[in-house]
Amino acid sequence: MGEQRRSADSVEAIERLDGITRRLRRDCPWDREQDERSIVPHTVEEAYELADAAHSGDDAKLLDELGDVLFQVLFLSMLMEERSAGSLAEVADLCREKLIRRHPHVFGEEAAATAGEVLELWGRVKREDERAGELFGSLPENLPSTLYAKKVLRRAASAGYGESHAGEALAEVKSVVDEFWSPGWESDEQAFDEVGRLLFHAVEAAAAAGVDPEVALRQYARAYKEDVEAQAGASG
């Protein structure tokens, strides 16, 4: 009964939020003007704030940011509904079907005893989902560069191309660093190419080590900022 009550509470809460979302669309001048293209930048911003909350250890903040992301899902689904292009129910059903299809070790006859084996299965099913001839599938071009590189590496590896280990990627990073400081550089274009190569292999090393490069870089930059602020405060 407890699980059924929680499920019913969740449905009722989403219905209440859906009602608020629809009223905002109807009665708020700003919300009435929005479409998918104008609202998605806010969706991306909320996703980053959610990631920050997840790494902060602050459950109250995480709860709040999850609500903001949920609102974005409801709003975008409502926009599709207005164009008869989809609905929240269709979003949920498509997600459910995909999860079942990509977890054959849970819902089918496949076996997977480790997280690594699960990822291999996921990659195989995902490749089957992609249309023939599209090695990288629908890879969004507007992703943050570290996430874009990570997805390129992951999809190439899942298709059997160039899966590397952290040590190999770090060796590539060292190679680029050694070249970067060599006196033979003659153009900004060469520097541009080598910096791209350096960052790409740094992402590769992070991914091979199981680290999200976008979150790790953001967290390190924040720590650096706080350290500089502390030094400035001490010297002031």
Protein backbone atom coordinates (compact mmCIF):
# COMPACT_ATOMS: atom_id res chain seq x y z
CA MET A 1 0.00 0.00 0.00
CA GLY A 2 2.87 2.36 0.76
CA GLU A 3 4.24 2.16 -2.78
CA GLN A 4 0.79 2.64 -4.29
CA ARG A 5 0.20 5.69 -2.09
CA ARG A 6 3.53 7.22 -3.10
CA SER A 7 2.72 6.60 -6.77
CA ALA A 8 -0.70 8.22 -6.39
CA ASP A 9 0.84 11.18 -4.55
CA SER A 10 3.35 11.64 -7.39
CA VAL A 11 0.63 11.59 -10.05
CA GLU A 12 -1.46 14.10 -8.11
CA ALA A 13 1.52 16.41 -7.57
CA ILE A 14 2.42 16.35 -11.28
CA GLU A 15 -1.20 17.06 -12.17
CA ARG A 16 -1.15 20.11 -9.86
CA LEU A 17 2.10 21.33 -11.42
CA ASP A 18 0.70 20.69 -14.90
CA GLY A 19 -2.30 22.84 -14.01
CA ILE A 20 -0.04 25.71 -12.91
CA THR A 21 2.01 25.33 -16.10
CA ARG A 22 -1.09 25.59 -18.28
CA ARG A 23 -2.35 28.63 -16.38
CA LEU A 24 1.01 30.37 -16.84
CA ARG A 25 0.84 29.64 -20.55
CA ARG A 26 -2.62 31.16 -20.67
CA ASP A 27 -2.32 34.13 -18.29
CA CYS A 28 1.36 35.19 -18.22
CA PRO A 29 2.47 37.44 -21.13
CA TRP A 30 6.04 36.12 -21.00
CA ASP A 31 5.02 32.45 -20.99
CA ARG A 32 2.57 33.03 -23.86
CA GLU A 33 5.41 34.28 -26.09
CA GLN A 34 7.67 31.26 -25.62
CA ASP A 35 8.35 28.45 -28.08
CA GLU A 36 10.77 25.51 -28.05
CA ARG A 37 13.68 27.57 -29.35
CA SER A 38 13.26 30.34 -26.79
CA ILE A 39 12.68 28.07 -23.79
CA VAL A 40 15.47 25.54 -24.37
CA PRO A 41 18.30 27.87 -23.25
CA HIS A 42 16.51 28.04 -19.89
CA THR A 43 16.24 24.24 -19.91
CA VAL A 44 19.99 23.93 -20.43
CA GLU A 45 20.66 26.44 -17.66
CA GLU A 46 18.42 24.52 -15.27
CA ALA A 47 20.19 21.27 -16.15
CA TYR A 48 23.54 22.81 -15.20
CA GLU A 49 22.09 24.11 -11.95
CA LEU A 50 20.77 20.59 -11.25
CA ALA A 51 24.23 19.13 -11.87
CA ASP A 52 25.72 21.68 -9.48
CA ALA A 53 23.15 20.80 -6.82
CA ALA A 54 23.84 17.08 -7.22
CA HIS A 55 27.53 17.68 -6.50
CA SER A 56 26.92 20.10 -3.65
CA GLY A 57 25.61 17.54 -1.16
CA ASP A 58 22.70 19.91 -0.42
CA ASP A 59 19.50 17.85 -0.62
CA ALA A 60 17.23 20.89 -0.30
CA LYS A 61 18.97 22.51 -3.27
CA LEU A 62 18.76 19.27 -5.25
CA LEU A 63 15.04 19.00 -4.56
CA ASP A 64 14.50 22.57 -5.71
CA GLU A 65 16.51 22.18 -8.92
CA LEU A 66 14.76 18.91 -9.77
CA GLY A 67 11.50 20.85 -9.64
CA ASP A 68 12.85 23.46 -12.05
CA VAL A 69 13.87 20.75 -14.54
CA LEU A 70 10.51 19.01 -14.16
CA PHE A 71 8.76 22.28 -14.98
CA GLN A 72 10.85 22.56 -18.14
CA VAL A 73 9.78 19.07 -19.22
CA LEU A 74 6.13 19.89 -18.58
CA PHE A 75 6.33 23.21 -20.42
CA LEU A 76 8.08 21.77 -23.49
CA SER A 77 5.65 18.85 -23.60
CA MET A 78 2.76 21.33 -23.47
CA LEU A 79 4.22 23.26 -26.41
CA MET A 80 4.29 20.04 -28.44
CA GLU A 81 0.73 19.28 -27.40
CA GLU A 82 -0.38 22.68 -28.72
CA ARG A 83 1.00 21.73 -32.14
CA SER A 84 -0.49 18.22 -31.95
CA ALA A 85 3.11 16.96 -32.17
CA GLY A 86 3.24 15.10 -28.85
CA SER A 87 2.25 15.19 -25.20
CA LEU A 88 3.62 14.47 -21.74
CA ALA A 89 2.02 11.01 -21.92
CA GLU A 90 3.84 10.29 -25.19
CA VAL A 91 7.11 11.58 -23.73
CA ALA A 92 6.72 9.23 -20.75
CA ASP A 93 5.70 6.24 -22.90
CA LEU A 94 8.60 6.71 -25.33
CA CYS A 95 11.00 6.95 -22.41
CA ARG A 96 9.54 3.81 -20.83
CA GLU A 97 9.80 1.87 -24.09
CA LYS A 98 13.40 2.98 -24.59
CA LEU A 99 14.37 1.97 -21.04
CA ILE A 100 12.83 -1.48 -21.53
CA ARG A 101 14.53 -1.90 -24.92
CA ARG A 102 17.93 -0.82 -23.61
CA HIS A 103 17.83 -3.00 -20.50
CA PRO A 104 17.42 -6.48 -22.00
CA HIS A 105 19.22 -7.91 -18.95
CA VAL A 106 16.27 -6.76 -16.82
CA PHE A 107 13.31 -7.07 -19.17
CA GLY A 108 14.63 -9.70 -21.60
CA GLU A 109 16.85 -12.74 -21.84
CA GLU A 110 20.27 -11.07 -21.84
CA ALA A 111 22.65 -11.34 -18.88
CA ALA A 112 24.77 -8.60 -17.33
CA ALA A 113 26.44 -9.03 -13.97
CA THR A 114 28.50 -5.83 -13.85
CA ALA A 115 28.02 -2.15 -14.66
CA GLY A 116 30.54 -2.54 -17.50
CA GLU A 117 28.51 -5.32 -19.09
CA VAL A 118 25.39 -3.18 -18.78
CA LEU A 119 27.11 -0.34 -20.68
CA GLU A 120 28.17 -2.77 -23.41
CA LEU A 121 24.58 -3.96 -23.79
CA TRP A 122 23.31 -0.38 -23.79
CA GLY A 123 25.76 0.57 -26.53
CA ARG A 124 24.82 -2.42 -28.66
CA VAL A 125 21.08 -1.74 -28.41
CA LYS A 126 21.65 1.96 -29.03
CA ARG A 127 23.55 1.14 -32.23
CA GLU A 128 20.64 -1.04 -33.33
CA ASP A 129 18.31 1.89 -32.67
CA GLU A 130 20.32 4.23 -34.89
CA ARG A 131 19.55 4.29 -38.56
CA ALA A 132 21.87 2.37 -40.87
CA GLY A 133 24.94 4.31 -41.95
CA GLU A 134 24.81 6.83 -39.11
CA LEU A 135 27.82 5.94 -37.01
CA PHE A 136 27.33 8.79 -34.56
CA GLY A 137 23.55 9.04 -34.81
CA SER A 138 21.83 12.30 -33.90
CA LEU A 139 24.71 13.97 -32.08
CA PRO A 140 23.64 17.53 -31.13
CA GLU A 141 26.06 20.15 -32.41
CA ASN A 142 25.25 22.65 -29.66
CA LEU A 143 26.49 20.53 -26.76
CA PRO A 144 29.24 21.94 -24.51
CA SER A 145 32.55 21.01 -26.11
CA THR A 146 33.66 18.60 -23.38
CA LEU A 147 30.33 16.75 -23.51
CA TYR A 148 30.42 16.72 -27.32
CA ALA A 149 33.91 15.20 -27.30
CA LYS A 150 32.88 12.66 -24.66
CA LYS A 151 29.91 11.53 -26.73
CA VAL A 152 32.02 11.27 -29.90
CA LEU A 153 34.51 9.07 -28.03
CA ARG A 154 31.80 6.92 -26.47
CA ARG A 155 29.93 6.33 -29.72
CA ALA A 156 33.13 5.58 -31.62
CA ALA A 157 34.15 3.06 -28.95
CA SER A 158 30.70 1.43 -28.92
CA ALA A 159 31.02 0.95 -32.68
CA GLY A 160 34.41 -0.73 -32.22
CA TYR A 161 36.68 2.20 -33.03
CA GLY A 162 39.56 3.21 -30.81
CA GLU A 163 38.47 2.50 -27.26
CA SER A 164 41.35 3.71 -25.07
CA HIS A 165 42.42 3.51 -21.47
CA ALA A 166 43.24 6.40 -19.19
CA GLY A 167 46.99 5.71 -19.44
CA GLU A 168 46.95 5.84 -23.24
CA ALA A 169 44.96 9.07 -23.25
CA LEU A 170 47.30 10.65 -20.69
CA ALA A 171 50.27 9.65 -22.85
CA GLU A 172 48.64 11.57 -25.72
CA VAL A 173 48.16 14.55 -23.41
CA LYS A 174 51.86 14.44 -22.46
CA SER A 175 52.83 14.20 -26.11
CA VAL A 176 50.80 17.29 -26.98
CA VAL A 177 52.20 19.19 -23.99
CA ASP A 178 55.75 18.37 -25.07
CA GLU A 179 54.98 19.62 -28.59
CA PHE A 180 53.16 22.66 -27.25
CA TRP A 181 56.30 23.98 -25.58
CA SER A 182 58.64 23.14 -28.44
CA PRO A 183 60.31 26.16 -30.09
CA GLY A 184 59.29 25.11 -33.59
CA TRP A 185 55.82 26.58 -33.61
CA GLU A 186 55.37 29.18 -36.28
CA SER A 187 51.64 29.99 -36.46
CA ASP A 188 48.57 30.63 -34.36
CA GLU A 189 46.77 28.05 -36.50
CA GLN A 190 49.14 25.33 -35.33
CA ALA A 191 48.62 26.41 -31.72
CA PHE A 192 44.85 26.31 -32.26
CA ASP A 193 44.99 22.75 -33.61
CA GLU A 194 47.29 21.51 -30.86
CA VAL A 195 45.19 23.03 -28.08
CA GLY A 196 42.14 21.29 -29.55
CA ARG A 197 44.06 18.03 -29.60
CA LEU A 198 45.23 18.58 -26.02
CA LEU A 199 41.73 19.21 -24.72
CA PHE A 200 40.28 16.30 -26.69
CA HIS A 201 42.72 13.81 -25.17
CA ALA A 202 42.19 15.33 -21.72
CA VAL A 203 38.47 14.59 -22.15
CA GLU A 204 39.40 11.10 -23.34
CA ALA A 205 41.51 10.53 -20.22
CA ALA A 206 38.71 11.79 -17.97
CA ALA A 207 36.12 9.57 -19.64
CA ALA A 208 38.40 6.53 -19.43
CA ALA A 209 38.82 7.22 -15.71
CA GLY A 210 35.05 7.43 -15.24
CA VAL A 211 35.05 11.19 -14.60
CA ASP A 212 32.64 13.65 -16.22
CA PRO A 213 35.01 16.28 -17.66
CA GLU A 214 32.40 19.05 -17.76
CA VAL A 215 31.51 18.69 -14.08
CA ALA A 216 35.13 18.14 -13.01
CA LEU A 217 36.38 21.23 -14.86
CA ARG A 218 33.56 23.36 -13.51
CA GLN A 219 34.21 22.18 -9.95
CA TYR A 220 37.96 22.77 -10.22
CA ALA A 221 37.40 26.24 -11.70
CA ARG A 222 35.06 27.06 -8.83
CA ALA A 223 37.63 25.88 -6.28
CA TYR A 224 40.29 27.98 -8.02
CA LYS A 225 37.99 31.02 -7.93
CA GLU A 226 37.35 30.55 -4.22
CA ASP A 227 41.08 30.16 -3.57
CA VAL A 228 41.86 33.39 -5.43
CA GLU A 229 39.09 35.17 -3.55
CA ALA A 230 40.51 33.91 -0.25
CA GLN A 231 44.02 35.12 -1.21
CA ALA A 232 42.63 38.50 -2.27
CA GLY A 233 40.73 38.79 1.01
CA ALA A 234 43.81 37.88 3.03
CA SER A 235 45.98 40.41 1.24
CA GLY A 236 43.35 43.11 1.51
